[in-house]
Structure formats: structure tokens, C-alpha cells
């Protein structure tokens, strides 16, 4: 039960951080996010066809989920700190690849790609 509370609390904290960061420092300039550049390159997304605010919200939630689940899993592993960091790094990479692959497939299903 404590791990679930830890996961939810880290998810909310990271989500609030992203909202503050995007609201105060980015000033609604969503096209400069690296995630959108990656999706544009990898899945041939047309930025003119997508709703950048909605996609930014999806990316923010995905990032908060990725960081929270990685932190929770590393917190639960009873190993030395260096091994927790190594395991967390691999979990982080795997989750990033999976989540952005799913987001890219969602965009492809919506028909927002540049068909060349």
C-alpha cells in the first residue's frame, strides 16, 4: 500500500512540476518540446495537423508516468544504490521507448502523418 501511495504522490508532484514549467517558462510554445520533435521525425507527424496542446498533455502525462513508475520500482528493490540506479536507467529507457511508440501509433491511427 505504501508503494501505491509513493507512486501516486510522485506522479502528482511531477505532473504539477510539468504544468508549472510549461505554463510559466514556455509561454505556450509547445512546438519546442523535444518529444514533439522526436514524434515528428520518427512517425512523420505533421505539426500543422495535430493539436499541439492535446499532444503536449499526453506527453506530460506519459513523462510523469515513466518517471513515477521508475522511481517506485527502484524504491522497492532492496539492492545497493548503484544497482538501483542501473536498473532504474534500463527501466527508464524501456518505458520511454514503449510509451512514445504507443503515442506514435495513436497519432498514426488518427491519420495525422505525412504520407510520402
PDB file of N, CA and C in Angstrom:
ATOM      1  N   UNK A   1       0.812  -1.194   0.000  1.00  0.00           N
ATOM      2  CA  UNK A   1       0.000   0.000   0.000  1.00  0.00           C
ATOM      3  C   UNK A   1       0.856   1.259   0.000  1.00  0.00           C
ATOM      4  N   UNK A   2       1.980   1.211   0.703  1.00  0.00           N
ATOM      5  CA  UNK A   2       2.848   2.384   0.749  1.00  0.00           C
ATOM      6  C   UNK A   2       3.481   2.662  -0.618  1.00  0.00           C
ATOM      7  N   UNK A   3       3.721   1.603  -1.397  1.00  0.00           N
ATOM      8  CA  UNK A   3       4.296   1.813  -2.721  1.00  0.00           C
ATOM      9  C   UNK A   3       3.282   2.472  -3.658  1.00  0.00           C
ATOM     10  N   UNK A   4       2.005   2.152  -3.495  1.00  0.00           N
ATOM     11  CA  UNK A   4       0.973   2.796  -4.298  1.00  0.00           C
ATOM     12  C   UNK A   4       0.861   4.273  -3.936  1.00  0.00           C
ATOM     13  N   UNK A   5       0.925   4.580  -2.675  1.00  0.00           N
ATOM     14  CA  UNK A   5       0.888   5.980  -2.236  1.00  0.00           C
ATOM     15  C   UNK A   5       2.123   6.713  -2.741  1.00  0.00           C
ATOM     16  N   UNK A   6       3.285   6.054  -2.700  1.00  0.00           N
ATOM     17  CA  UNK A   6       4.511   6.652  -3.219  1.00  0.00           C
ATOM     18  C   UNK A   6       4.384   6.928  -4.714  1.00  0.00           C
ATOM     19  N   UNK A   7       3.845   5.969  -5.467  1.00  0.00           N
ATOM     20  CA  UNK A   7       3.663   6.152  -6.910  1.00  0.00           C
ATOM     21  C   UNK A   7       2.730   7.311  -7.210  1.00  0.00           C
ATOM     22  N   UNK A   8       1.592   7.354  -6.545  1.00  0.00           N
ATOM     23  CA  UNK A   8       0.610   8.412  -6.809  1.00  0.00           C
ATOM     24  C   UNK A   8       1.163   9.780  -6.418  1.00  0.00           C
ATOM     25  N   UNK A   9       1.856   9.840  -5.290  1.00  0.00           N
ATOM     26  CA  UNK A   9       2.392  11.136  -4.861  1.00  0.00           C
ATOM     27  C   UNK A   9       3.493  11.624  -5.804  1.00  0.00           C
ATOM     28  N   UNK A  10       4.376  10.744  -6.254  1.00  0.00           N
ATOM     29  CA  UNK A  10       5.403  11.181  -7.204  1.00  0.00           C
ATOM     30  C   UNK A  10       4.796  11.549  -8.545  1.00  0.00           C
ATOM     31  N   UNK A  11       3.764  10.834  -8.971  1.00  0.00           N
ATOM     32  CA  UNK A  11       3.082  11.170 -10.220  1.00  0.00           C
ATOM     33  C   UNK A  11       2.478  12.569 -10.142  1.00  0.00           C
ATOM     34  N   UNK A  12       1.808  12.873  -9.043  1.00  0.00           N
ATOM     35  CA  UNK A  12       1.169  14.179  -8.891  1.00  0.00           C
ATOM     36  C   UNK A  12       2.216  15.287  -8.802  1.00  0.00           C
ATOM     37  N   UNK A  13       3.293  15.053  -8.063  1.00  0.00           N
ATOM     38  CA  UNK A  13       4.342  16.071  -7.931  1.00  0.00           C
ATOM     39  C   UNK A  13       4.989  16.362  -9.281  1.00  0.00           C
ATOM     40  N   UNK A  14       5.296  15.339 -10.033  1.00  0.00           N
ATOM     41  CA  UNK A  14       5.921  15.526 -11.342  1.00  0.00           C
ATOM     42  C   UNK A  14       4.946  16.186 -12.313  1.00  0.00           C
ATOM     43  N   UNK A  15       3.686  15.814 -12.246  1.00  0.00           N
ATOM     44  CA  UNK A  15       2.676  16.432 -13.102  1.00  0.00           C
ATOM     45  C   UNK A  15       2.534  17.915 -12.801  1.00  0.00           C
ATOM     46  N   UNK A  16       2.514  18.273 -11.528  1.00  0.00           N
ATOM     47  CA  UNK A  16       2.427  19.683 -11.138  1.00  0.00           C
ATOM     48  C   UNK A  16       3.674  20.438 -11.605  1.00  0.00           C
ATOM     49  N   UNK A  17       4.840  19.810 -11.471  1.00  0.00           N
ATOM     50  CA  UNK A  17       6.073  20.434 -11.942  1.00  0.00           C
ATOM     51  C   UNK A  17       6.010  20.722 -13.441  1.00  0.00           C
ATOM     52  N   UNK A  18       5.565  19.749 -14.224  1.00  0.00           N
ATOM     53  CA  UNK A  18       5.447  19.954 -15.671  1.00  0.00           C
ATOM     54  C   UNK A  18       4.447  21.055 -16.008  1.00  0.00           C
ATOM     55  N   UNK A  19       3.343  21.105 -15.308  1.00  0.00           N
ATOM     56  CA  UNK A  19       2.337  22.132 -15.584  1.00  0.00           C
ATOM     57  C   UNK A  19       2.903  23.514 -15.271  1.00  0.00           C
ATOM     58  N   UNK A  20       3.609  23.643 -14.160  1.00  0.00           N
ATOM     59  CA  UNK A  20       4.222  24.923 -13.815  1.00  0.00           C
ATOM     60  C   UNK A  20       5.293  25.287 -14.831  1.00  0.00           C
ATOM     61  N   UNK A  21       6.111  24.313 -15.206  1.00  0.00           N
ATOM     62  CA  UNK A  21       7.185  24.567 -16.163  1.00  0.00           C
ATOM     63  C   UNK A  21       6.639  24.992 -17.522  1.00  0.00           C
ATOM     64  N   UNK A  22       5.650  24.285 -18.015  1.00  0.00           N
ATOM     65  CA  UNK A  22       5.090  24.623 -19.320  1.00  0.00           C
ATOM     66  C   UNK A  22       4.299  25.923 -19.272  1.00  0.00           C
ATOM     67  N   UNK A  23       3.665  26.197 -18.146  1.00  0.00           N
ATOM     68  CA  UNK A  23       2.865  27.406 -18.040  1.00  0.00           C
ATOM     69  C   UNK A  23       3.675  28.662 -17.828  1.00  0.00           C
ATOM     70  N   UNK A  24       4.703  28.590 -16.977  1.00  0.00           N
ATOM     71  CA  UNK A  24       5.452  29.792 -16.633  1.00  0.00           C
ATOM     72  C   UNK A  24       6.619  30.062 -17.574  1.00  0.00           C
ATOM     73  N   UNK A  25       7.347  29.033 -17.951  1.00  0.00           N
ATOM     74  CA  UNK A  25       8.565  29.255 -18.703  1.00  0.00           C
ATOM     75  C   UNK A  25       8.412  29.095 -20.207  1.00  0.00           C
ATOM     76  N   UNK A  26       7.523  28.269 -20.636  1.00  0.00           N
ATOM     77  CA  UNK A  26       7.375  28.044 -22.076  1.00  0.00           C
ATOM     78  C   UNK A  26       6.449  29.062 -22.732  1.00  0.00           C
ATOM     79  N   UNK A  27       5.551  29.629 -21.979  1.00  0.00           N
ATOM     80  CA  UNK A  27       4.594  30.625 -22.503  1.00  0.00           C
ATOM     81  C   UNK A  27       3.862  30.106 -23.738  1.00  0.00           C
ATOM     82  N   UNK A  28       3.356  28.886 -23.637  1.00  0.00           N
ATOM     83  CA  UNK A  28       2.549  28.241 -24.675  1.00  0.00           C
ATOM     84  C   UNK A  28       3.311  28.017 -25.976  1.00  0.00           C
ATOM     85  N   UNK A  29       4.596  27.808 -25.897  1.00  0.00           N
ATOM     86  CA  UNK A  29       5.392  27.484 -27.075  1.00  0.00           C
ATOM     87  C   UNK A  29       5.653  25.984 -27.070  1.00  0.00           C
ATOM     88  N   UNK A  30       4.622  25.231 -27.404  1.00  0.00           N
ATOM     89  CA  UNK A  30       4.688  23.779 -27.295  1.00  0.00           C
ATOM     90  C   UNK A  30       5.510  23.148 -28.414  1.00  0.00           C
ATOM     91  N   UNK A  31       5.695  23.829 -29.504  1.00  0.00           N
ATOM     92  CA  UNK A  31       6.391  23.223 -30.635  1.00  0.00           C
ATOM     93  C   UNK A  31       7.881  23.041 -30.365  1.00  0.00           C
ATOM     94  N   UNK A  32       8.385  23.600 -29.284  1.00  0.00           N
ATOM     95  CA  UNK A  32       9.801  23.475 -28.964  1.00  0.00           C
ATOM     96  C   UNK A  32      10.103  22.277 -28.079  1.00  0.00           C
ATOM     97  N   UNK A  33       9.101  21.495 -27.740  1.00  0.00           N
ATOM     98  CA  UNK A  33       9.328  20.317 -26.912  1.00  0.00           C
ATOM     99  C   UNK A  33      10.075  19.252 -27.714  1.00  0.00           C
ATOM    100  N   UNK A  34      11.049  18.622 -27.081  1.00  0.00           N
ATOM    101  CA  UNK A  34      11.827  17.580 -27.749  1.00  0.00           C
ATOM    102  C   UNK A  34      10.990  16.366 -28.107  1.00  0.00           C
ATOM    103  N   UNK A  35       9.978  16.103 -27.297  1.00  0.00           N
ATOM    104  CA  UNK A  35       9.114  14.957 -27.570  1.00  0.00           C
ATOM    105  C   UNK A  35       8.372  15.126 -28.891  1.00  0.00           C
ATOM    106  N   UNK A  36       7.912  16.343 -29.160  1.00  0.00           N
ATOM    107  CA  UNK A  36       7.207  16.592 -30.413  1.00  0.00           C
ATOM    108  C   UNK A  36       8.149  16.493 -31.604  1.00  0.00           C
ATOM    109  N   UNK A  37       9.390  16.939 -31.425  1.00  0.00           N
ATOM    110  CA  UNK A  37      10.378  16.802 -32.496  1.00  0.00           C
ATOM    111  C   UNK A  37      10.674  15.327 -32.779  1.00  0.00           C
ATOM    112  N   UNK A  38      10.766  14.524 -31.714  1.00  0.00           N
ATOM    113  CA  UNK A  38      11.004  13.092 -31.892  1.00  0.00           C
ATOM    114  C   UNK A  38       9.844  12.435 -32.635  1.00  0.00           C
ATOM    115  N   UNK A  39       8.611  12.760 -32.242  1.00  0.00           N
ATOM    116  CA  UNK A  39       7.450  12.164 -32.907  1.00  0.00           C
ATOM    117  C   UNK A  39       7.360  12.621 -34.358  1.00  0.00           C
ATOM    118  N   UNK A  40       7.736  13.857 -34.616  1.00  0.00           N
ATOM    119  CA  UNK A  40       7.725  14.356 -35.991  1.00  0.00           C
ATOM    120  C   UNK A  40       8.755  13.618 -36.838  1.00  0.00           C
ATOM    121  N   UNK A  41       9.914  13.372 -36.285  1.00  0.00           N
ATOM    122  CA  UNK A  41      10.970  12.683 -37.026  1.00  0.00           C
ATOM    123  C   UNK A  41      10.676  11.196 -37.198  1.00  0.00           C
ATOM    124  N   UNK A  42      10.307  10.535 -36.115  1.00  0.00           N
ATOM    125  CA  UNK A  42      10.153   9.082 -36.124  1.00  0.00           C
ATOM    126  C   UNK A  42       8.888   8.631 -36.862  1.00  0.00           C
ATOM    127  N   UNK A  43       7.781   9.327 -36.627  1.00  0.00           N
ATOM    128  CA  UNK A  43       6.500   8.878 -37.170  1.00  0.00           C
ATOM    129  C   UNK A  43       5.961   9.783 -38.269  1.00  0.00           C
ATOM    130  N   UNK A  44       6.767  10.721 -38.750  1.00  0.00           N
ATOM    131  CA  UNK A  44       6.391  11.628 -39.841  1.00  0.00           C
ATOM    132  C   UNK A  44       5.102  12.397 -39.519  1.00  0.00           C
ATOM    133  N   UNK A  45       5.052  12.942 -38.324  1.00  0.00           N
ATOM    134  CA  UNK A  45       3.882  13.695 -37.875  1.00  0.00           C
ATOM    135  C   UNK A  45       3.925  15.082 -38.490  1.00  0.00           C
ATOM    136  N   UNK A  46       2.792  15.536 -38.982  1.00  0.00           N
ATOM    137  CA  UNK A  46       2.681  16.902 -39.461  1.00  0.00           C
ATOM    138  C   UNK A  46       2.237  17.779 -38.296  1.00  0.00           C
ATOM    139  N   UNK A  47       3.073  18.735 -37.929  1.00  0.00           N
ATOM    140  CA  UNK A  47       2.725  19.603 -36.810  1.00  0.00           C
ATOM    141  C   UNK A  47       1.502  20.457 -37.110  1.00  0.00           C
ATOM    142  N   UNK A  48       1.254  20.721 -38.364  1.00  0.00           N
ATOM    143  CA  UNK A  48       0.097  21.543 -38.710  1.00  0.00           C
ATOM    144  C   UNK A  48      -1.220  20.781 -38.534  1.00  0.00           C
ATOM    145  N   UNK A  49      -1.179  19.456 -38.571  1.00  0.00           N
ATOM    146  CA  UNK A  49      -2.396  18.661 -38.454  1.00  0.00           C
ATOM    147  C   UNK A  49      -2.765  18.294 -37.029  1.00  0.00           C
ATOM    148  N   UNK A  50      -1.803  18.351 -36.113  1.00  0.00           N
ATOM    149  CA  UNK A  50      -2.072  17.882 -34.756  1.00  0.00           C
ATOM    150  C   UNK A  50      -2.444  19.039 -33.840  1.00  0.00           C
ATOM    151  N   UNK A  51      -3.183  18.703 -32.821  1.00  0.00           N
ATOM    152  CA  UNK A  51      -3.496  19.648 -31.766  1.00  0.00           C
ATOM    153  C   UNK A  51      -2.340  19.589 -30.763  1.00  0.00           C
ATOM    154  N   UNK A  52      -1.477  20.588 -30.808  1.00  0.00           N
ATOM    155  CA  UNK A  52      -0.256  20.542 -30.008  1.00  0.00           C
ATOM    156  C   UNK A  52      -0.541  20.572 -28.518  1.00  0.00           C
ATOM    157  N   UNK A  53      -1.580  21.255 -28.095  1.00  0.00           N
ATOM    158  CA  UNK A  53      -1.911  21.288 -26.671  1.00  0.00           C
ATOM    159  C   UNK A  53      -2.307  19.897 -26.176  1.00  0.00           C
ATOM    160  N   UNK A  54      -3.107  19.202 -26.967  1.00  0.00           N
ATOM    161  CA  UNK A  54      -3.538  17.858 -26.568  1.00  0.00           C
ATOM    162  C   UNK A  54      -2.359  16.886 -26.565  1.00  0.00           C
ATOM    163  N   UNK A  55      -1.519  16.969 -27.589  1.00  0.00           N
ATOM    164  CA  UNK A  55      -0.355  16.091 -27.651  1.00  0.00           C
ATOM    165  C   UNK A  55       0.637  16.418 -26.546  1.00  0.00           C
ATOM    166  N   UNK A  56       0.773  17.692 -26.208  1.00  0.00           N
ATOM    167  CA  UNK A  56       1.637  18.079 -25.096  1.00  0.00           C
ATOM    168  C   UNK A  56       1.112  17.508 -23.793  1.00  0.00           C
ATOM    169  N   UNK A  57      -0.189  17.546 -23.599  1.00  0.00           N
ATOM    170  CA  UNK A  57      -0.783  16.981 -22.380  1.00  0.00           C
ATOM    171  C   UNK A  57      -0.555  15.468 -22.316  1.00  0.00           C
ATOM    172  N   UNK A  58      -0.662  14.792 -23.442  1.00  0.00           N
ATOM    173  CA  UNK A  58      -0.390  13.358 -23.481  1.00  0.00           C
ATOM    174  C   UNK A  58       1.074  13.089 -23.144  1.00  0.00           C
ATOM    175  N   UNK A  59       1.986  13.876 -23.701  1.00  0.00           N
ATOM    176  CA  UNK A  59       3.415  13.690 -23.427  1.00  0.00           C
ATOM    177  C   UNK A  59       3.750  13.992 -21.966  1.00  0.00           C
ATOM    178  N   UNK A  60       3.116  15.002 -21.396  1.00  0.00           N
ATOM    179  CA  UNK A  60       3.350  15.339 -19.993  1.00  0.00           C
ATOM    180  C   UNK A  60       2.895  14.196 -19.095  1.00  0.00           C
ATOM    181  N   UNK A  61       1.727  13.647 -19.362  1.00  0.00           N
ATOM    182  CA  UNK A  61       1.246  12.510 -18.573  1.00  0.00           C
ATOM    183  C   UNK A  61       2.133  11.277 -18.768  1.00  0.00           C
ATOM    184  N   UNK A  62       2.590  11.053 -19.984  1.00  0.00           N
ATOM    185  CA  UNK A  62       3.476   9.916 -20.241  1.00  0.00           C
ATOM    186  C   UNK A  62       4.798  10.083 -19.496  1.00  0.00           C
ATOM    187  N   UNK A  63       5.356  11.282 -19.524  1.00  0.00           N
ATOM    188  CA  UNK A  63       6.612  11.522 -18.816  1.00  0.00           C
ATOM    189  C   UNK A  63       6.452  11.364 -17.309  1.00  0.00           C
ATOM    190  N   UNK A  64       5.364  11.883 -16.767  1.00  0.00           N
ATOM    191  CA  UNK A  64       5.119  11.740 -15.331  1.00  0.00           C
ATOM    192  C   UNK A  64       4.945  10.270 -14.956  1.00  0.00           C
ATOM    193  N   UNK A  65       4.252   9.511 -15.798  1.00  0.00           N
ATOM    194  CA  UNK A  65       4.080   8.076 -15.544  1.00  0.00           C
ATOM    195  C   UNK A  65       5.416   7.352 -15.597  1.00  0.00           C
ATOM    196  N   UNK A  66       6.227   7.656 -16.605  1.00  0.00           N
ATOM    197  CA  UNK A  66       7.521   6.994 -16.769  1.00  0.00           C
ATOM    198  C   UNK A  66       8.422   7.252 -15.561  1.00  0.00           C
ATOM    199  N   UNK A  67       8.524   8.501 -15.155  1.00  0.00           N
ATOM    200  CA  UNK A  67       9.390   8.840 -14.026  1.00  0.00           C
ATOM    201  C   UNK A  67       8.861   8.237 -12.736  1.00  0.00           C
ATOM    202  N   UNK A  68       7.553   8.273 -12.535  1.00  0.00           N
ATOM    203  CA  UNK A  68       6.966   7.759 -11.295  1.00  0.00           C
ATOM    204  C   UNK A  68       7.117   6.245 -11.183  1.00  0.00           C
ATOM    205  N   UNK A  69       6.855   5.530 -12.261  1.00  0.00           N
ATOM    206  CA  UNK A  69       6.949   4.066 -12.194  1.00  0.00           C
ATOM    207  C   UNK A  69       8.404   3.628 -12.022  1.00  0.00           C
ATOM    208  N   UNK A  70       9.333   4.342 -12.657  1.00  0.00           N
ATOM    209  CA  UNK A  70      10.746   4.021 -12.492  1.00  0.00           C
ATOM    210  C   UNK A  70      11.201   4.260 -11.052  1.00  0.00           C
ATOM    211  N   UNK A  71      10.805   5.394 -10.496  1.00  0.00           N
ATOM    212  CA  UNK A  71      11.161   5.690  -9.108  1.00  0.00           C
ATOM    213  C   UNK A  71      10.563   4.701  -8.129  1.00  0.00           C
ATOM    214  N   UNK A  72       9.324   4.304  -8.365  1.00  0.00           N
ATOM    215  CA  UNK A  72       8.664   3.350  -7.478  1.00  0.00           C
ATOM    216  C   UNK A  72       9.337   1.980  -7.535  1.00  0.00           C
ATOM    217  N   UNK A  73       9.654   1.522  -8.728  1.00  0.00           N
ATOM    218  CA  UNK A  73      10.308   0.216  -8.859  1.00  0.00           C
ATOM    219  C   UNK A  73      11.697   0.245  -8.219  1.00  0.00           C
ATOM    220  N   UNK A  74      12.441   1.310  -8.443  1.00  0.00           N
ATOM    221  CA  UNK A  74      13.772   1.412  -7.839  1.00  0.00           C
ATOM    222  C   UNK A  74      13.686   1.517  -6.324  1.00  0.00           C
ATOM    223  N   UNK A  75      12.655   2.152  -5.838  1.00  0.00           N
ATOM    224  CA  UNK A  75      12.451   2.281  -4.392  1.00  0.00           C
ATOM    225  C   UNK A  75      12.157   0.923  -3.756  1.00  0.00           C
ATOM    226  N   UNK A  76      11.500   0.036  -4.483  1.00  0.00           N
ATOM    227  CA  UNK A  76      11.120  -1.264  -3.950  1.00  0.00           C
ATOM    228  C   UNK A  76      12.238  -2.304  -3.996  1.00  0.00           C
ATOM    229  N   UNK A  77      13.259  -2.090  -4.816  1.00  0.00           N
ATOM    230  CA  UNK A  77      14.334  -3.068  -4.971  1.00  0.00           C
ATOM    231  C   UNK A  77      15.310  -2.930  -3.803  1.00  0.00           C
ATOM    232  N   UNK A  78      15.493  -4.005  -3.034  1.00  0.00           N
ATOM    233  CA  UNK A  78      16.394  -3.926  -1.866  1.00  0.00           C
ATOM    234  C   UNK A  78      17.844  -4.238  -2.229  1.00  0.00           C
ATOM    235  N   UNK A  79      18.419  -3.443  -3.112  1.00  0.00           N
ATOM    236  CA  UNK A  79      19.815  -3.610  -3.506  1.00  0.00           C
ATOM    237  C   UNK A  79      20.597  -2.358  -3.133  1.00  0.00           C
ATOM    238  N   UNK A  80      21.886  -2.382  -3.415  1.00  0.00           N
ATOM    239  CA  UNK A  80      22.697  -1.195  -3.188  1.00  0.00           C
ATOM    240  C   UNK A  80      22.298  -0.112  -4.173  1.00  0.00           C
ATOM    241  N   UNK A  81      22.642   1.106  -3.811  1.00  0.00           N
ATOM    242  CA  UNK A  81      22.218   2.277  -4.572  1.00  0.00           C
ATOM    243  C   UNK A  81      22.657   2.221  -6.032  1.00  0.00           C
ATOM    244  N   UNK A  82      23.874   1.807  -6.288  1.00  0.00           N
ATOM    245  CA  UNK A  82      24.386   1.777  -7.661  1.00  0.00           C
ATOM    246  C   UNK A  82      23.605   0.791  -8.525  1.00  0.00           C
ATOM    247  N   UNK A  83      23.213  -0.346  -7.951  1.00  0.00           N
ATOM    248  CA  UNK A  83      22.418  -1.317  -8.705  1.00  0.00           C
ATOM    249  C   UNK A  83      20.995  -0.805  -8.937  1.00  0.00           C
ATOM    250  N   UNK A  84      20.459  -0.085  -7.967  1.00  0.00           N
ATOM    251  CA  UNK A  84      19.147   0.529  -8.147  1.00  0.00           C
ATOM    252  C   UNK A  84      19.194   1.540  -9.288  1.00  0.00           C
ATOM    253  N   UNK A  85      20.265   2.305  -9.358  1.00  0.00           N
ATOM    254  CA  UNK A  85      20.403   3.298 -10.432  1.00  0.00           C
ATOM    255  C   UNK A  85      20.537   2.630 -11.798  1.00  0.00           C
ATOM    256  N   UNK A  86      21.305   1.564 -11.866  1.00  0.00           N
ATOM    257  CA  UNK A  86      21.462   0.854 -13.149  1.00  0.00           C
ATOM    258  C   UNK A  86      20.139   0.239 -13.605  1.00  0.00           C
ATOM    259  N   UNK A  87      19.448  -0.406 -12.699  1.00  0.00           N
ATOM    260  CA  UNK A  87      18.152  -0.998 -13.034  1.00  0.00           C
ATOM    261  C   UNK A  87      17.161   0.094 -13.418  1.00  0.00           C
ATOM    262  N   UNK A  88      17.171   1.188 -12.680  1.00  0.00           N
ATOM    263  CA  UNK A  88      16.288   2.305 -12.990  1.00  0.00           C
ATOM    264  C   UNK A  88      16.570   2.912 -14.352  1.00  0.00           C
ATOM    265  N   UNK A  89      17.845   2.982 -14.730  1.00  0.00           N
ATOM    266  CA  UNK A  89      18.207   3.516 -16.043  1.00  0.00           C
ATOM    267  C   UNK A  89      17.637   2.641 -17.157  1.00  0.00           C
ATOM    268  N   UNK A  90      17.771   1.333 -17.023  1.00  0.00           N
ATOM    269  CA  UNK A  90      17.247   0.439 -18.057  1.00  0.00           C
ATOM    270  C   UNK A  90      15.716   0.454 -18.095  1.00  0.00           C
ATOM    271  N   UNK A  91      15.091   0.520 -16.936  1.00  0.00           N
ATOM    272  CA  UNK A  91      13.627   0.621 -16.893  1.00  0.00           C
ATOM    273  C   UNK A  91      13.176   1.911 -17.552  1.00  0.00           C
ATOM    274  N   UNK A  92      13.884   2.994 -17.276  1.00  0.00           N
ATOM    275  CA  UNK A  92      13.554   4.290 -17.853  1.00  0.00           C
ATOM    276  C   UNK A  92      13.645   4.256 -19.371  1.00  0.00           C
ATOM    277  N   UNK A  93      14.729   3.698 -19.902  1.00  0.00           N
ATOM    278  CA  UNK A  93      14.878   3.607 -21.359  1.00  0.00           C
ATOM    279  C   UNK A  93      13.780   2.762 -21.990  1.00  0.00           C
ATOM    280  N   UNK A  94      13.496   1.629 -21.395  1.00  0.00           N
ATOM    281  CA  UNK A  94      12.463   0.740 -21.938  1.00  0.00           C
ATOM    282  C   UNK A  94      11.095   1.421 -21.924  1.00  0.00           C
ATOM    283  N   UNK A  95      10.763   2.095 -20.817  1.00  0.00           N
ATOM    284  CA  UNK A  95       9.462   2.766 -20.733  1.00  0.00           C
ATOM    285  C   UNK A  95       9.354   3.931 -21.703  1.00  0.00           C
ATOM    286  N   UNK A  96      10.432   4.675 -21.903  1.00  0.00           N
ATOM    287  CA  UNK A  96      10.402   5.781 -22.870  1.00  0.00           C
ATOM    288  C   UNK A  96      10.141   5.249 -24.265  1.00  0.00           C
ATOM    289  N   UNK A  97      10.844   4.201 -24.635  1.00  0.00           N
ATOM    290  CA  UNK A  97      10.667   3.631 -25.974  1.00  0.00           C
ATOM    291  C   UNK A  97       9.241   3.111 -26.148  1.00  0.00           C
ATOM    292  N   UNK A  98       8.725   2.402 -25.161  1.00  0.00           N
ATOM    293  CA  UNK A  98       7.376   1.838 -25.260  1.00  0.00           C
ATOM    294  C   UNK A  98       6.314   2.932 -25.301  1.00  0.00           C
ATOM    295  N   UNK A  99       6.411   3.901 -24.397  1.00  0.00           N
ATOM    296  CA  UNK A  99       5.366   4.934 -24.310  1.00  0.00           C
ATOM    297  C   UNK A  99       5.313   5.794 -25.570  1.00  0.00           C
ATOM    298  N   UNK A 100       6.474   6.199 -26.078  1.00  0.00           N
ATOM    299  CA  UNK A 100       6.451   7.045 -27.272  1.00  0.00           C
ATOM    300  C   UNK A 100       6.140   6.253 -28.533  1.00  0.00           C
ATOM    301  N   UNK A 101       6.390   4.967 -28.529  1.00  0.00           N
ATOM    302  CA  UNK A 101       5.931   4.115 -29.626  1.00  0.00           C
ATOM    303  C   UNK A 101       4.401   4.051 -29.628  1.00  0.00           C
ATOM    304  N   UNK A 102       3.818   3.912 -28.437  1.00  0.00           N
ATOM    305  CA  UNK A 102       2.353   3.887 -28.336  1.00  0.00           C
ATOM    306  C   UNK A 102       1.740   5.228 -28.722  1.00  0.00           C
ATOM    307  N   UNK A 103       2.356   6.315 -28.310  1.00  0.00           N
ATOM    308  CA  UNK A 103       1.851   7.636 -28.686  1.00  0.00           C
ATOM    309  C   UNK A 103       1.962   7.832 -30.193  1.00  0.00           C
ATOM    310  N   UNK A 104       3.073   7.402 -30.777  1.00  0.00           N
ATOM    311  CA  UNK A 104       3.238   7.500 -32.233  1.00  0.00           C
ATOM    312  C   UNK A 104       2.207   6.675 -32.981  1.00  0.00           C
ATOM    313  N   UNK A 105       1.914   5.474 -32.492  1.00  0.00           N
ATOM    314  CA  UNK A 105       0.880   4.652 -33.126  1.00  0.00           C
ATOM    315  C   UNK A 105      -0.497   5.280 -32.970  1.00  0.00           C
ATOM    316  N   UNK A 106      -0.748   5.936 -31.865  1.00  0.00           N
ATOM    317  CA  UNK A 106      -2.011   6.649 -31.684  1.00  0.00           C
ATOM    318  C   UNK A 106      -2.153   7.767 -32.709  1.00  0.00           C
ATOM    319  N   UNK A 107      -1.082   8.466 -32.961  1.00  0.00           N
ATOM    320  CA  UNK A 107      -1.107   9.536 -33.962  1.00  0.00           C
ATOM    321  C   UNK A 107      -1.310   8.961 -35.352  1.00  0.00           C
ATOM    322  N   UNK A 108      -0.676   7.842 -35.641  1.00  0.00           N
ATOM    323  CA  UNK A 108      -0.825   7.204 -36.961  1.00  0.00           C
ATOM    324  C   UNK A 108      -2.275   6.759 -37.170  1.00  0.00           C
ATOM    325  N   UNK A 109      -2.897   6.190 -36.122  1.00  0.00           N
ATOM    326  CA  UNK A 109      -4.286   5.757 -36.248  1.00  0.00           C
ATOM    327  C   UNK A 109      -5.225   6.932 -36.473  1.00  0.00           C
ATOM    328  N   UNK A 110      -4.886   8.088 -35.937  1.00  0.00           N
ATOM    329  CA  UNK A 110      -5.721   9.272 -36.129  1.00  0.00           C
ATOM    330  C   UNK A 110      -5.523   9.875 -37.523  1.00  0.00           C
ATOM    331  N   UNK A 111      -4.504   9.409 -38.245  1.00  0.00           N
ATOM    332  CA  UNK A 111      -4.280   9.879 -39.609  1.00  0.00           C
ATOM    333  C   UNK A 111      -3.582  11.210 -39.679  1.00  0.00           C
ATOM    334  N   UNK A 112      -2.738  11.513 -38.718  1.00  0.00           N
ATOM    335  CA  UNK A 112      -2.061  12.810 -38.664  1.00  0.00           C
ATOM    336  C   UNK A 112      -0.630  12.724 -39.156  1.00  0.00           C
ATOM    337  N   UNK A 113      -0.348  11.831 -40.089  1.00  0.00           N
ATOM    338  CA  UNK A 113       1.017  11.658 -40.572  1.00  0.00           C
ATOM    339  C   UNK A 113       1.141  12.176 -41.983  1.00  0.00           C
ATOM    340  N   UNK A 114       2.368  12.452 -42.365  1.00  0.00           N
ATOM    341  CA  UNK A 114       2.670  12.917 -43.707  1.00  0.00           C
ATOM    342  C   UNK A 114       2.960  11.712 -44.576  1.00  0.00           C
ATOM    343  N   UNK A 115       2.067  11.376 -45.489  1.00  0.00           N
ATOM    344  CA  UNK A 115       2.225  10.176 -46.324  1.00  0.00           C
ATOM    345  C   UNK A 115       3.001  10.536 -47.578  1.00  0.00           C
ATOM    346  N   UNK A 116       4.248  10.090 -47.608  1.00  0.00           N
ATOM    347  CA  UNK A 116       5.108  10.367 -48.766  1.00  0.00           C
ATOM    348  C   UNK A 116       5.317   9.121 -49.571  1.00  0.00           C
TER     349      UNK A 116
END
